[in-house]
Structure formats: structure tokens, C-alpha cells
Amino acid sequence: MKRIILTAMACGVWLSGVTSAAALTYVLDRPPTPPTNGMASPSQALRGVDDQDKTVVEVTSTVAKPPVRRGPAHRSQLVTLPPPSPRDIDEMTCAGWRELDMGSGHVQICE
């Protein structure tokens, strides 16, 4: 009995996942449309019932954006530092030579 319940629950989870993926695909594949209130154009909202033959003039306005003012451009100077000089091995504390763990050869560990 428990196996049937677990199988039904797993099928339900898979079915809901496939359904939500299909719904998401459907919604994302549609082209975006602006919401409408049943009117074809904004000029229809301005017309009254009795003035069907009159013409409504639509005025479009544009907003002019002022130019962006920026201060003088500062050019940054790239500074290249010389590479650090390598330390001399005589200044390091080194352990004795030993065999490699893998392969052949000798290694010395220095700090």
C-alpha cells in the first residue's frame, strides 16, 4: 500500500513540474502586448456618444532631455611595477634532499 502512495505522490510531483514548465514556456514565447480596456485607441475614449462624426485631434508630446554634463576627463596613468627580484637560495632555509614520492629524482624543500 505504501508503494502505491509513494508512486502516486511522485507522479503528482512530476506532473505538476511538467505542467508548470509548459505554462512558463507558453507565457514566455508570446509576444508582449500592452493591456487594453476594450478600446482600439485612446481617441475613442475621448469621443462621446452624440459626437460620432466629429474628429478628435490627438496631441503627442515629446520630452526633451537636457544634455548630460560631465566634468573634464581624467586620464589614468598606468603604473607598471618591475617584477619582484627572486630570492637567493643561500638566504633560504632548506631541508635535505629526498627522493620524489612519484617518479624518479630528488627534491629539496626550501622556505
PDB file of N, CA and C in Angstrom:
ATOM      1  N   MET A   1       0.825  -1.202   0.000  1.00  0.00           N
ATOM      2  CA  MET A   1       0.000   0.000   0.000  1.00  0.00           C
ATOM      3  C   MET A   1       0.868   1.264   0.000  1.00  0.00           C
ATOM      4  N   LYS A   2       1.942   1.230   0.742  1.00  0.00           N
ATOM      5  CA  LYS A   2       2.805   2.403   0.815  1.00  0.00           C
ATOM      6  C   LYS A   2       3.479   2.676  -0.523  1.00  0.00           C
ATOM      7  N   ARG A   3       3.797   1.627  -1.264  1.00  0.00           N
ATOM      8  CA  ARG A   3       4.457   1.809  -2.553  1.00  0.00           C
ATOM      9  C   ARG A   3       3.531   2.511  -3.545  1.00  0.00           C
ATOM     10  N   ILE A   4       2.249   2.194  -3.501  1.00  0.00           N
ATOM     11  CA  ILE A   4       1.278   2.829  -4.387  1.00  0.00           C
ATOM     12  C   ILE A   4       1.146   4.314  -4.048  1.00  0.00           C
ATOM     13  N   ILE A   5       1.119   4.635  -2.777  1.00  0.00           N
ATOM     14  CA  ILE A   5       1.001   6.034  -2.348  1.00  0.00           C
ATOM     15  C   ILE A   5       2.231   6.826  -2.773  1.00  0.00           C
ATOM     16  N   LEU A   6       3.427   6.247  -2.568  1.00  0.00           N
ATOM     17  CA  LEU A   6       4.652   6.936  -2.963  1.00  0.00           C
ATOM     18  C   LEU A   6       4.721   7.120  -4.477  1.00  0.00           C
ATOM     19  N   THR A   7       4.284   6.123  -5.228  1.00  0.00           N
ATOM     20  CA  THR A   7       4.276   6.242  -6.685  1.00  0.00           C
ATOM     21  C   THR A   7       3.305   7.330  -7.128  1.00  0.00           C
ATOM     22  N   ALA A   8       2.128   7.386  -6.508  1.00  0.00           N
ATOM     23  CA  ALA A   8       1.151   8.423  -6.852  1.00  0.00           C
ATOM     24  C   ALA A   8       1.673   9.808  -6.506  1.00  0.00           C
ATOM     25  N   MET A   9       2.346   9.951  -5.374  1.00  0.00           N
ATOM     26  CA  MET A   9       2.910  11.245  -4.993  1.00  0.00           C
ATOM     27  C   MET A   9       4.021  11.657  -5.968  1.00  0.00           C
ATOM     28  N   ALA A  10       4.869  10.723  -6.352  1.00  0.00           N
ATOM     29  CA  ALA A  10       5.945  11.037  -7.298  1.00  0.00           C
ATOM     30  C   ALA A  10       5.366  11.438  -8.652  1.00  0.00           C
ATOM     31  N   CYS A  11       4.348  10.734  -9.103  1.00  0.00           N
ATOM     32  CA  CYS A  11       3.704  11.085 -10.380  1.00  0.00           C
ATOM     33  C   CYS A  11       3.051  12.463 -10.292  1.00  0.00           C
ATOM     34  N   GLY A  12       2.455  12.783  -9.154  1.00  0.00           N
ATOM     35  CA  GLY A  12       1.852  14.106  -8.969  1.00  0.00           C
ATOM     36  C   GLY A  12       2.885  15.217  -9.014  1.00  0.00           C
ATOM     37  N   VAL A  13       4.019  15.000  -8.384  1.00  0.00           N
ATOM     38  CA  VAL A  13       5.085  15.999  -8.388  1.00  0.00           C
ATOM     39  C   VAL A  13       5.624  16.182  -9.806  1.00  0.00           C
ATOM     40  N   TRP A  14       5.864  15.080 -10.507  1.00  0.00           N
ATOM     41  CA  TRP A  14       6.356  15.175 -11.889  1.00  0.00           C
ATOM     42  C   TRP A  14       5.334  15.850 -12.793  1.00  0.00           C
ATOM     43  N   LEU A  15       4.060  15.515 -12.629  1.00  0.00           N
ATOM     44  CA  LEU A  15       3.010  16.117 -13.459  1.00  0.00           C
ATOM     45  C   LEU A  15       2.909  17.618 -13.211  1.00  0.00           C
ATOM     46  N   SER A  16       2.999  18.028 -11.947  1.00  0.00           N
ATOM     47  CA  SER A  16       2.937  19.472 -11.666  1.00  0.00           C
ATOM     48  C   SER A  16       4.168  20.186 -12.207  1.00  0.00           C
ATOM     49  N   GLY A  17       5.322  19.550 -12.167  1.00  0.00           N
ATOM     50  CA  GLY A  17       6.531  20.158 -12.726  1.00  0.00           C
ATOM     51  C   GLY A  17       6.453  20.316 -14.235  1.00  0.00           C
ATOM     52  N   VAL A  18       5.966  19.288 -14.912  1.00  0.00           N
ATOM     53  CA  VAL A  18       5.832  19.365 -16.368  1.00  0.00           C
ATOM     54  C   VAL A  18       4.787  20.404 -16.747  1.00  0.00           C
ATOM     55  N   THR A  19       3.700  20.466 -15.995  1.00  0.00           N
ATOM     56  CA  THR A  19       2.651  21.441 -16.273  1.00  0.00           C
ATOM     57  C   THR A  19       3.156  22.865 -16.085  1.00  0.00           C
ATOM     58  N   SER A  20       3.879  23.115 -15.005  1.00  0.00           N
ATOM     59  CA  SER A  20       4.386  24.474 -14.784  1.00  0.00           C
ATOM     60  C   SER A  20       5.443  24.848 -15.819  1.00  0.00           C
ATOM     61  N   ALA A  21       6.259  23.892 -16.261  1.00  0.00           N
ATOM     62  CA  ALA A  21       7.244  24.183 -17.308  1.00  0.00           C
ATOM     63  C   ALA A  21       6.548  24.504 -18.624  1.00  0.00           C
ATOM     64  N   ALA A  22       5.477  23.786 -18.934  1.00  0.00           N
ATOM     65  CA  ALA A  22       4.733  24.066 -20.169  1.00  0.00           C
ATOM     66  C   ALA A  22       4.063  25.431 -20.102  1.00  0.00           C
ATOM     67  N   ALA A  23       3.489  25.774 -18.940  1.00  0.00           N
ATOM     68  CA  ALA A  23       2.847  27.080 -18.795  1.00  0.00           C
ATOM     69  C   ALA A  23       3.869  28.203 -18.895  1.00  0.00           C
ATOM     70  N   LEU A  24       5.026  28.026 -18.308  1.00  0.00           N
ATOM     71  CA  LEU A  24       6.076  29.035 -18.382  1.00  0.00           C
ATOM     72  C   LEU A  24       6.571  29.206 -19.817  1.00  0.00           C
ATOM     73  N   THR A  25       6.731  28.111 -20.536  1.00  0.00           N
ATOM     74  CA  THR A  25       7.137  28.183 -21.939  1.00  0.00           C
ATOM     75  C   THR A  25       6.099  28.919 -22.764  1.00  0.00           C
ATOM     76  N   TYR A  26       4.831  28.643 -22.519  1.00  0.00           N
ATOM     77  CA  TYR A  26       3.758  29.300 -23.266  1.00  0.00           C
ATOM     78  C   TYR A  26       3.759  30.807 -22.997  1.00  0.00           C
ATOM     79  N   VAL A  27       3.919  31.198 -21.748  1.00  0.00           N
ATOM     80  CA  VAL A  27       3.876  32.617 -21.395  1.00  0.00           C
ATOM     81  C   VAL A  27       5.097  33.357 -21.949  1.00  0.00           C
ATOM     82  N   LEU A  28       6.264  32.742 -21.886  1.00  0.00           N
ATOM     83  CA  LEU A  28       7.482  33.420 -22.334  1.00  0.00           C
ATOM     84  C   LEU A  28       7.608  33.471 -23.850  1.00  0.00           C
ATOM     85  N   ASP A  29       6.944  32.582 -24.571  1.00  0.00           N
ATOM     86  CA  ASP A  29       7.037  32.590 -26.025  1.00  0.00           C
ATOM     87  C   ASP A  29       6.069  33.556 -26.686  1.00  0.00           C
ATOM     88  N   ARG A  30       5.091  34.085 -25.956  1.00  0.00           N
ATOM     89  CA  ARG A  30       4.139  35.012 -26.550  1.00  0.00           C
ATOM     90  C   ARG A  30       4.773  36.384 -26.703  1.00  0.00           C
ATOM     91  N   PRO A  31       4.417  37.123 -27.763  1.00  0.00           N
ATOM     92  CA  PRO A  31       4.939  38.488 -27.891  1.00  0.00           C
ATOM     93  C   PRO A  31       4.263  39.396 -26.859  1.00  0.00           C
ATOM     94  N   PRO A  32       4.984  40.379 -26.343  1.00  0.00           N
ATOM     95  CA  PRO A  32       4.391  41.258 -25.333  1.00  0.00           C
ATOM     96  C   PRO A  32       3.304  42.128 -25.956  1.00  0.00           C
ATOM     97  N   THR A  33       2.169  42.210 -25.300  1.00  0.00           N
ATOM     98  CA  THR A  33       1.067  43.049 -25.759  1.00  0.00           C
ATOM     99  C   THR A  33       0.668  43.986 -24.633  1.00  0.00           C
ATOM    100  N   PRO A  34       0.436  45.248 -24.929  1.00  0.00           N
ATOM    101  CA  PRO A  34       0.015  46.173 -23.877  1.00  0.00           C
ATOM    102  C   PRO A  34      -1.419  45.855 -23.457  1.00  0.00           C
ATOM    103  N   PRO A  35      -1.757  46.070 -22.201  1.00  0.00           N
ATOM    104  CA  PRO A  35      -3.118  45.798 -21.751  1.00  0.00           C
ATOM    105  C   PRO A  35      -4.098  46.788 -22.374  1.00  0.00           C
ATOM    106  N   THR A  36      -5.268  46.307 -22.781  1.00  0.00           N
ATOM    107  CA  THR A  36      -6.299  47.162 -23.360  1.00  0.00           C
ATOM    108  C   THR A  36      -7.574  47.027 -22.557  1.00  0.00           C
ATOM    109  N   ASN A  37      -8.356  48.069 -22.587  1.00  0.00           N
ATOM    110  CA  ASN A  37      -9.635  48.070 -21.876  1.00  0.00           C
ATOM    111  C   ASN A  37     -10.800  47.915 -22.843  1.00  0.00           C
ATOM    112  N   GLY A  38     -10.606  47.243 -23.952  1.00  0.00           N
ATOM    113  CA  GLY A  38     -11.663  47.053 -24.923  1.00  0.00           C
ATOM    114  C   GLY A  38     -11.746  48.185 -25.926  1.00  0.00           C
ATOM    115  N   MET A  39     -10.893  49.183 -25.859  1.00  0.00           N
ATOM    116  CA  MET A  39     -10.898  50.299 -26.798  1.00  0.00           C
ATOM    117  C   MET A  39      -9.752  50.136 -27.776  1.00  0.00           C
ATOM    118  N   ALA A  40      -9.990  50.480 -29.026  1.00  0.00           N
ATOM    119  CA  ALA A  40      -8.964  50.326 -30.050  1.00  0.00           C
ATOM    120  C   ALA A  40      -7.890  51.401 -29.928  1.00  0.00           C
ATOM    121  N   SER A  41      -8.280  52.611 -29.563  1.00  0.00           N
ATOM    122  CA  SER A  41      -7.301  53.688 -29.459  1.00  0.00           C
ATOM    123  C   SER A  41      -7.732  54.652 -28.366  1.00  0.00           C
ATOM    124  N   PRO A  42      -6.811  55.481 -27.868  1.00  0.00           N
ATOM    125  CA  PRO A  42      -7.172  56.431 -26.821  1.00  0.00           C
ATOM    126  C   PRO A  42      -8.171  57.487 -27.297  1.00  0.00           C
ATOM    127  N   SER A  43      -8.203  57.742 -28.609  1.00  0.00           N
ATOM    128  CA  SER A  43      -9.132  58.768 -29.094  1.00  0.00           C
ATOM    129  C   SER A  43     -10.583  58.316 -28.959  1.00  0.00           C
ATOM    130  N   GLN A  44     -10.826  57.016 -28.933  1.00  0.00           N
ATOM    131  CA  GLN A  44     -12.190  56.528 -28.738  1.00  0.00           C
ATOM    132  C   GLN A  44     -12.700  56.845 -27.349  1.00  0.00           C
ATOM    133  N   ALA A  45     -11.812  56.913 -26.375  1.00  0.00           N
ATOM    134  CA  ALA A  45     -12.244  57.229 -25.013  1.00  0.00           C
ATOM    135  C   ALA A  45     -12.660  58.688 -24.911  1.00  0.00           C
ATOM    136  N   LEU A  46     -12.103  59.553 -25.768  1.00  0.00           N
ATOM    137  CA  LEU A  46     -12.421  60.970 -25.713  1.00  0.00           C
ATOM    138  C   LEU A  46     -13.722  61.293 -26.441  1.00  0.00           C
ATOM    139  N   ARG A  47     -14.164  60.442 -27.329  1.00  0.00           N
ATOM    140  CA  ARG A  47     -15.376  60.700 -28.079  1.00  0.00           C
ATOM    141  C   ARG A  47     -16.605  60.393 -27.231  1.00  0.00           C
ATOM    142  N   GLY A  48     -17.588  61.194 -27.386  1.00  0.00           N
ATOM    143  CA  GLY A  48     -18.848  60.953 -26.696  1.00  0.00           C
ATOM    144  C   GLY A  48     -19.795  60.156 -27.568  1.00  0.00           C
ATOM    145  N   VAL A  49     -20.979  59.849 -27.051  1.00  0.00           N
ATOM    146  CA  VAL A  49     -21.960  59.083 -27.805  1.00  0.00           C
ATOM    147  C   VAL A  49     -22.568  59.921 -28.917  1.00  0.00           C
ATOM    148  N   ASP A  50     -22.807  61.196 -28.665  1.00  0.00           N
ATOM    149  CA  ASP A  50     -23.503  62.031 -29.635  1.00  0.00           C
ATOM    150  C   ASP A  50     -22.580  62.650 -30.681  1.00  0.00           C
ATOM    151  N   ASP A  51     -21.265  62.594 -30.515  1.00  0.00           N
ATOM    152  CA  ASP A  51     -20.381  63.247 -31.485  1.00  0.00           C
ATOM    153  C   ASP A  51     -19.564  62.213 -32.262  1.00  0.00           C
ATOM    154  N   GLN A  52     -20.237  61.257 -32.880  1.00  0.00           N
ATOM    155  CA  GLN A  52     -19.562  60.222 -33.651  1.00  0.00           C
ATOM    156  C   GLN A  52     -18.908  60.762 -34.922  1.00  0.00           C
ATOM    157  N   ASP A  53     -19.492  61.837 -35.493  1.00  0.00           N
ATOM    158  CA  ASP A  53     -18.952  62.353 -36.737  1.00  0.00           C
ATOM    159  C   ASP A  53     -17.863  63.393 -36.539  1.00  0.00           C
ATOM    160  N   LYS A  54     -17.637  63.837 -35.337  1.00  0.00           N
ATOM    161  CA  LYS A  54     -16.624  64.850 -35.080  1.00  0.00           C
ATOM    162  C   LYS A  54     -15.233  64.197 -35.012  1.00  0.00           C
ATOM    163  N   THR A  55     -14.251  64.949 -35.369  1.00  0.00           N
ATOM    164  CA  THR A  55     -12.884  64.449 -35.371  1.00  0.00           C
ATOM    165  C   THR A  55     -12.179  64.911 -34.100  1.00  0.00           C
ATOM    166  N   VAL A  56     -11.487  64.005 -33.480  1.00  0.00           N
ATOM    167  CA  VAL A  56     -10.729  64.316 -32.280  1.00  0.00           C
ATOM    168  C   VAL A  56      -9.267  64.423 -32.680  1.00  0.00           C
ATOM    169  N   VAL A  57      -8.646  65.519 -32.300  1.00  0.00           N
ATOM    170  CA  VAL A  57      -7.238  65.740 -32.618  1.00  0.00           C
ATOM    171  C   VAL A  57      -6.413  65.203 -31.461  1.00  0.00           C
ATOM    172  N   GLU A  58      -5.489  64.317 -31.774  1.00  0.00           N
ATOM    173  CA  GLU A  58      -4.612  63.765 -30.745  1.00  0.00           C
ATOM    174  C   GLU A  58      -3.316  64.571 -30.727  1.00  0.00           C
ATOM    175  N   VAL A  59      -2.892  64.967 -29.564  1.00  0.00           N
ATOM    176  CA  VAL A  59      -1.669  65.746 -29.408  1.00  0.00           C
ATOM    177  C   VAL A  59      -0.621  64.824 -28.796  1.00  0.00           C
ATOM    178  N   THR A  60       0.482  64.704 -29.475  1.00  0.00           N
ATOM    179  CA  THR A  60       1.584  63.918 -28.925  1.00  0.00           C
ATOM    180  C   THR A  60       2.647  64.883 -28.432  1.00  0.00           C
ATOM    181  N   SER A  61       3.140  64.628 -27.291  1.00  0.00           N
ATOM    182  CA  SER A  61       4.166  65.496 -26.724  1.00  0.00           C
ATOM    183  C   SER A  61       5.446  64.689 -26.533  1.00  0.00           C
ATOM    184  N   THR A  62       6.533  65.350 -26.737  1.00  0.00           N
ATOM    185  CA  THR A  62       7.820  64.718 -26.508  1.00  0.00           C
ATOM    186  C   THR A  62       8.559  65.502 -25.433  1.00  0.00           C
ATOM    187  N   VAL A  63       9.295  64.784 -24.665  1.00  0.00           N
ATOM    188  CA  VAL A  63      10.064  65.400 -23.585  1.00  0.00           C
ATOM    189  C   VAL A  63      11.513  65.473 -24.040  1.00  0.00           C
ATOM    190  N   ALA A  64      12.042  66.679 -24.060  1.00  0.00           N
ATOM    191  CA  ALA A  64      13.445  66.862 -24.442  1.00  0.00           C
ATOM    192  C   ALA A  64      14.311  66.693 -23.206  1.00  0.00           C
ATOM    193  N   LYS A  65      15.265  65.831 -23.320  1.00  0.00           N
ATOM    194  CA  LYS A  65      16.168  65.567 -22.212  1.00  0.00           C
ATOM    195  C   LYS A  65      17.382  66.474 -22.342  1.00  0.00           C
ATOM    196  N   PRO A  66      17.724  67.203 -21.288  1.00  0.00           N
ATOM    197  CA  PRO A  66      18.903  68.077 -21.397  1.00  0.00           C
ATOM    198  C   PRO A  66      20.173  67.234 -21.520  1.00  0.00           C
ATOM    199  N   PRO A  67      21.183  67.777 -22.175  1.00  0.00           N
ATOM    200  CA  PRO A  67      22.419  67.006 -22.322  1.00  0.00           C
ATOM    201  C   PRO A  67      23.084  66.786 -20.959  1.00  0.00           C
ATOM    202  N   VAL A  68      23.727  65.674 -20.853  1.00  0.00           N
ATOM    203  CA  VAL A  68      24.407  65.324 -19.611  1.00  0.00           C
ATOM    204  C   VAL A  68      25.737  66.052 -19.565  1.00  0.00           C
ATOM    205  N   ARG A  69      25.965  66.763 -18.487  1.00  0.00           N
ATOM    206  CA  ARG A  69      27.226  67.499 -18.331  1.00  0.00           C
ATOM    207  C   ARG A  69      28.152  66.691 -17.447  1.00  0.00           C
ATOM    208  N   ARG A  70      29.328  66.527 -17.939  1.00  0.00           N
ATOM    209  CA  ARG A  70      30.324  65.784 -17.178  1.00  0.00           C
ATOM    210  C   ARG A  70      31.539  66.668 -17.003  1.00  0.00           C
ATOM    211  N   GLY A  71      32.273  66.397 -15.976  1.00  0.00           N
ATOM    212  CA  GLY A  71      33.487  67.160 -15.725  1.00  0.00           C
ATOM    213  C   GLY A  71      34.571  66.792 -16.719  1.00  0.00           C
ATOM    214  N   PRO A  72      35.724  67.424 -16.602  1.00  0.00           N
ATOM    215  CA  PRO A  72      36.812  67.112 -17.534  1.00  0.00           C
ATOM    216  C   PRO A  72      37.254  65.659 -17.357  1.00  0.00           C
ATOM    217  N   ALA A  73      37.583  65.062 -18.459  1.00  0.00           N
ATOM    218  CA  ALA A  73      38.000  63.667 -18.419  1.00  0.00           C
ATOM    219  C   ALA A  73      39.399  63.565 -17.808  1.00  0.00           C
ATOM    220  N   HIS A  74      39.537  62.683 -16.873  1.00  0.00           N
ATOM    221  CA  HIS A  74      40.833  62.448 -16.242  1.00  0.00           C
ATOM    222  C   HIS A  74      41.398  61.164 -16.825  1.00  0.00           C
ATOM    223  N   ARG A  75      42.545  61.286 -17.417  1.00  0.00           N
ATOM    224  CA  ARG A  75      43.182  60.094 -17.961  1.00  0.00           C
ATOM    225  C   ARG A  75      44.026  59.457 -16.870  1.00  0.00           C
ATOM    226  N   SER A  76      43.822  58.177 -16.699  1.00  0.00           N
ATOM    227  CA  SER A  76      44.582  57.479 -15.665  1.00  0.00           C
ATOM    228  C   SER A  76      45.905  57.004 -16.245  1.00  0.00           C
ATOM    229  N   GLN A  77      46.931  57.159 -15.483  1.00  0.00           N
ATOM    230  CA  GLN A  77      48.262  56.730 -15.868  1.00  0.00           C
ATOM    231  C   GLN A  77      48.472  55.316 -15.326  1.00  0.00           C
ATOM    232  N   LEU A  78      48.785  54.394 -16.206  1.00  0.00           N
ATOM    233  CA  LEU A  78      49.070  53.042 -15.772  1.00  0.00           C
ATOM    234  C   LEU A  78      50.500  52.978 -15.259  1.00  0.00           C
ATOM    235  N   VAL A  79      50.639  52.472 -14.074  1.00  0.00           N
ATOM    236  CA  VAL A  79      51.955  52.346 -13.467  1.00  0.00           C
ATOM    237  C   VAL A  79      52.344  50.881 -13.528  1.00  0.00           C
ATOM    238  N   THR A  80      53.456  50.603 -14.155  1.00  0.00           N
ATOM    239  CA  THR A  80      53.937  49.225 -14.217  1.00  0.00           C
ATOM    240  C   THR A  80      55.093  49.082 -13.241  1.00  0.00           C
ATOM    241  N   LEU A  81      54.931  48.165 -12.342  1.00  0.00           N
ATOM    242  CA  LEU A  81      55.969  47.894 -11.353  1.00  0.00           C
ATOM    243  C   LEU A  81      56.885  46.809 -11.893  1.00  0.00           C
ATOM    244  N   PRO A  82      58.168  46.903 -11.567  1.00  0.00           N
ATOM    245  CA  PRO A  82      59.070  45.843 -12.013  1.00  0.00           C
ATOM    246  C   PRO A  82      58.747  44.553 -11.256  1.00  0.00           C
ATOM    247  N   PRO A  83      58.972  43.419 -11.867  1.00  0.00           N
ATOM    248  CA  PRO A  83      58.690  42.160 -11.168  1.00  0.00           C
ATOM    249  C   PRO A  83      59.598  42.035  -9.947  1.00  0.00           C
ATOM    250  N   PRO A  84      59.102  41.392  -8.907  1.00  0.00           N
ATOM    251  CA  PRO A  84      59.945  41.254  -7.713  1.00  0.00           C
ATOM    252  C   PRO A  84      61.165  40.396  -8.029  1.00  0.00           C
ATOM    253  N   SER A  85      62.292  40.798  -7.450  1.00  0.00           N
ATOM    254  CA  SER A  85      63.522  40.048  -7.701  1.00  0.00           C
ATOM    255  C   SER A  85      63.458  38.724  -6.938  1.00  0.00           C
ATOM    256  N   PRO A  86      63.912  37.650  -7.555  1.00  0.00           N
ATOM    257  CA  PRO A  86      63.855  36.350  -6.879  1.00  0.00           C
ATOM    258  C   PRO A  86      64.841  36.307  -5.716  1.00  0.00           C
ATOM    259  N   ARG A  87      64.419  35.586  -4.699  1.00  0.00           N
ATOM    260  CA  ARG A  87      65.304  35.454  -3.534  1.00  0.00           C
ATOM    261  C   ARG A  87      66.441  34.495  -3.849  1.00  0.00           C
ATOM    262  N   ASP A  88      67.576  34.752  -3.243  1.00  0.00           N
ATOM    263  CA  ASP A  88      68.722  33.874  -3.431  1.00  0.00           C
ATOM    264  C   ASP A  88      68.522  32.635  -2.571  1.00  0.00           C
ATOM    265  N   ILE A  89      68.901  31.484  -3.098  1.00  0.00           N
ATOM    266  CA  ILE A  89      68.690  30.235  -2.365  1.00  0.00           C
ATOM    267  C   ILE A  89      69.579  30.163  -1.124  1.00  0.00           C
ATOM    268  N   ASP A  90      70.686  30.928  -1.092  1.00  0.00           N
ATOM    269  CA  ASP A  90      71.561  30.918   0.078  1.00  0.00           C
ATOM    270  C   ASP A  90      70.880  31.585   1.274  1.00  0.00           C
ATOM    271  N   GLU A  91      69.894  32.481   1.020  1.00  0.00           N
ATOM    272  CA  GLU A  91      69.191  33.162   2.108  1.00  0.00           C
ATOM    273  C   GLU A  91      68.045  32.319   2.672  1.00  0.00           C
ATOM    274  N   MET A  92      67.685  31.214   1.985  1.00  0.00           N
ATOM    275  CA  MET A  92      66.548  30.394   2.402  1.00  0.00           C
ATOM    276  C   MET A  92      66.991  29.286   3.337  1.00  0.00           C
ATOM    277  N   THR A  93      66.016  28.801   4.115  1.00  0.00           N
ATOM    278  CA  THR A  93      66.245  27.660   4.976  1.00  0.00           C
ATOM    279  C   THR A  93      65.741  26.429   4.237  1.00  0.00           C
ATOM    280  N   CYS A  94      66.624  25.515   3.928  1.00  0.00           N
ATOM    281  CA  CYS A  94      66.255  24.362   3.111  1.00  0.00           C
ATOM    282  C   CYS A  94      66.441  23.078   3.909  1.00  0.00           C
ATOM    283  N   ALA A  95      65.527  22.136   3.625  1.00  0.00           N
ATOM    284  CA  ALA A  95      65.660  20.797   4.203  1.00  0.00           C
ATOM    285  C   ALA A  95      66.618  20.000   3.323  1.00  0.00           C
ATOM    286  N   GLY A  96      66.941  18.798   3.762  1.00  0.00           N
ATOM    287  CA  GLY A  96      67.862  17.963   2.979  1.00  0.00           C
ATOM    288  C   GLY A  96      67.191  17.426   1.724  1.00  0.00           C
ATOM    289  N   TRP A  97      68.010  16.873   0.823  1.00  0.00           N
ATOM    290  CA  TRP A  97      67.499  16.290  -0.409  1.00  0.00           C
ATOM    291  C   TRP A  97      66.780  14.997  -0.087  1.00  0.00           C
ATOM    292  N   ARG A  98      65.682  14.747  -0.806  1.00  0.00           N
ATOM    293  CA  ARG A  98      64.967  13.480  -0.616  1.00  0.00           C
ATOM    294  C   ARG A  98      64.470  12.992  -1.971  1.00  0.00           C
ATOM    295  N   GLU A  99      64.077  11.717  -2.028  1.00  0.00           N
ATOM    296  CA  GLU A  99      63.557  11.111  -3.247  1.00  0.00           C
ATOM    297  C   GLU A  99      62.122  11.596  -3.477  1.00  0.00           C
ATOM    298  N   LEU A 100      61.710  11.686  -4.733  1.00  0.00           N
ATOM    299  CA  LEU A 100      60.331  12.036  -5.052  1.00  0.00           C
ATOM    300  C   LEU A 100      59.395  10.902  -4.673  1.00  0.00           C
ATOM    301  N   ASP A 101      58.157  11.249  -4.311  1.00  0.00           N
ATOM    302  CA  ASP A 101      57.164  10.226  -3.982  1.00  0.00           C
ATOM    303  C   ASP A 101      56.744   9.463  -5.238  1.00  0.00           C
ATOM    304  N   MET A 102      56.597  10.180  -6.345  1.00  0.00           N
ATOM    305  CA  MET A 102      56.221   9.548  -7.619  1.00  0.00           C
ATOM    306  C   MET A 102      57.267   9.927  -8.652  1.00  0.00           C
ATOM    307  N   GLY A 103      57.737   8.971  -9.383  1.00  0.00           N
ATOM    308  CA  GLY A 103      58.742   9.252 -10.392  1.00  0.00           C
ATOM    309  C   GLY A 103      60.147   9.111  -9.829  1.00  0.00           C
ATOM    310  N   SER A 104      61.108   9.578 -10.625  1.00  0.00           N
ATOM    311  CA  SER A 104      62.498   9.466 -10.172  1.00  0.00           C
ATOM    312  C   SER A 104      63.094  10.861 -10.088  1.00  0.00           C
ATOM    313  N   GLY A 105      63.960  11.033  -9.148  1.00  0.00           N
ATOM    314  CA  GLY A 105      64.608  12.308  -8.978  1.00  0.00           C
ATOM    315  C   GLY A 105      64.698  12.681  -7.512  1.00  0.00           C
ATOM    316  N   HIS A 106      65.312  13.826  -7.259  1.00  0.00           N
ATOM    317  CA  HIS A 106      65.498  14.310  -5.899  1.00  0.00           C
ATOM    318  C   HIS A 106      64.851  15.693  -5.789  1.00  0.00           C
ATOM    319  N   VAL A 107      64.413  16.016  -4.588  1.00  0.00           N
ATOM    320  CA  VAL A 107      63.790  17.307  -4.351  1.00  0.00           C
ATOM    321  C   VAL A 107      64.282  17.855  -3.028  1.00  0.00           C
ATOM    322  N   GLN A 108      64.357  19.181  -2.961  1.00  0.00           N
ATOM    323  CA  GLN A 108      64.756  19.852  -1.752  1.00  0.00           C
ATOM    324  C   GLN A 108      63.722  20.929  -1.464  1.00  0.00           C
ATOM    325  N   ILE A 109      63.143  20.959  -0.280  1.00  0.00           N
ATOM    326  CA  ILE A 109      62.105  21.932   0.078  1.00  0.00           C
ATOM    327  C   ILE A 109      62.750  23.060   0.840  1.00  0.00           C
ATOM    328  N   CYS A 110      62.549  24.287   0.325  1.00  0.00           N
ATOM    329  CA  CYS A 110      63.146  25.485   0.941  1.00  0.00           C
ATOM    330  C   CYS A 110      62.052  26.447   1.381  1.00  0.00           C
ATOM    331  N   GLU A 111      62.287  27.148   2.458  1.00  0.00           N
ATOM    332  CA  GLU A 111      61.355  28.158   2.957  1.00  0.00           C
ATOM    333  C   GLU A 111      62.008  29.514   2.972  1.00  0.00           C
TER     334      GLU A 111
END
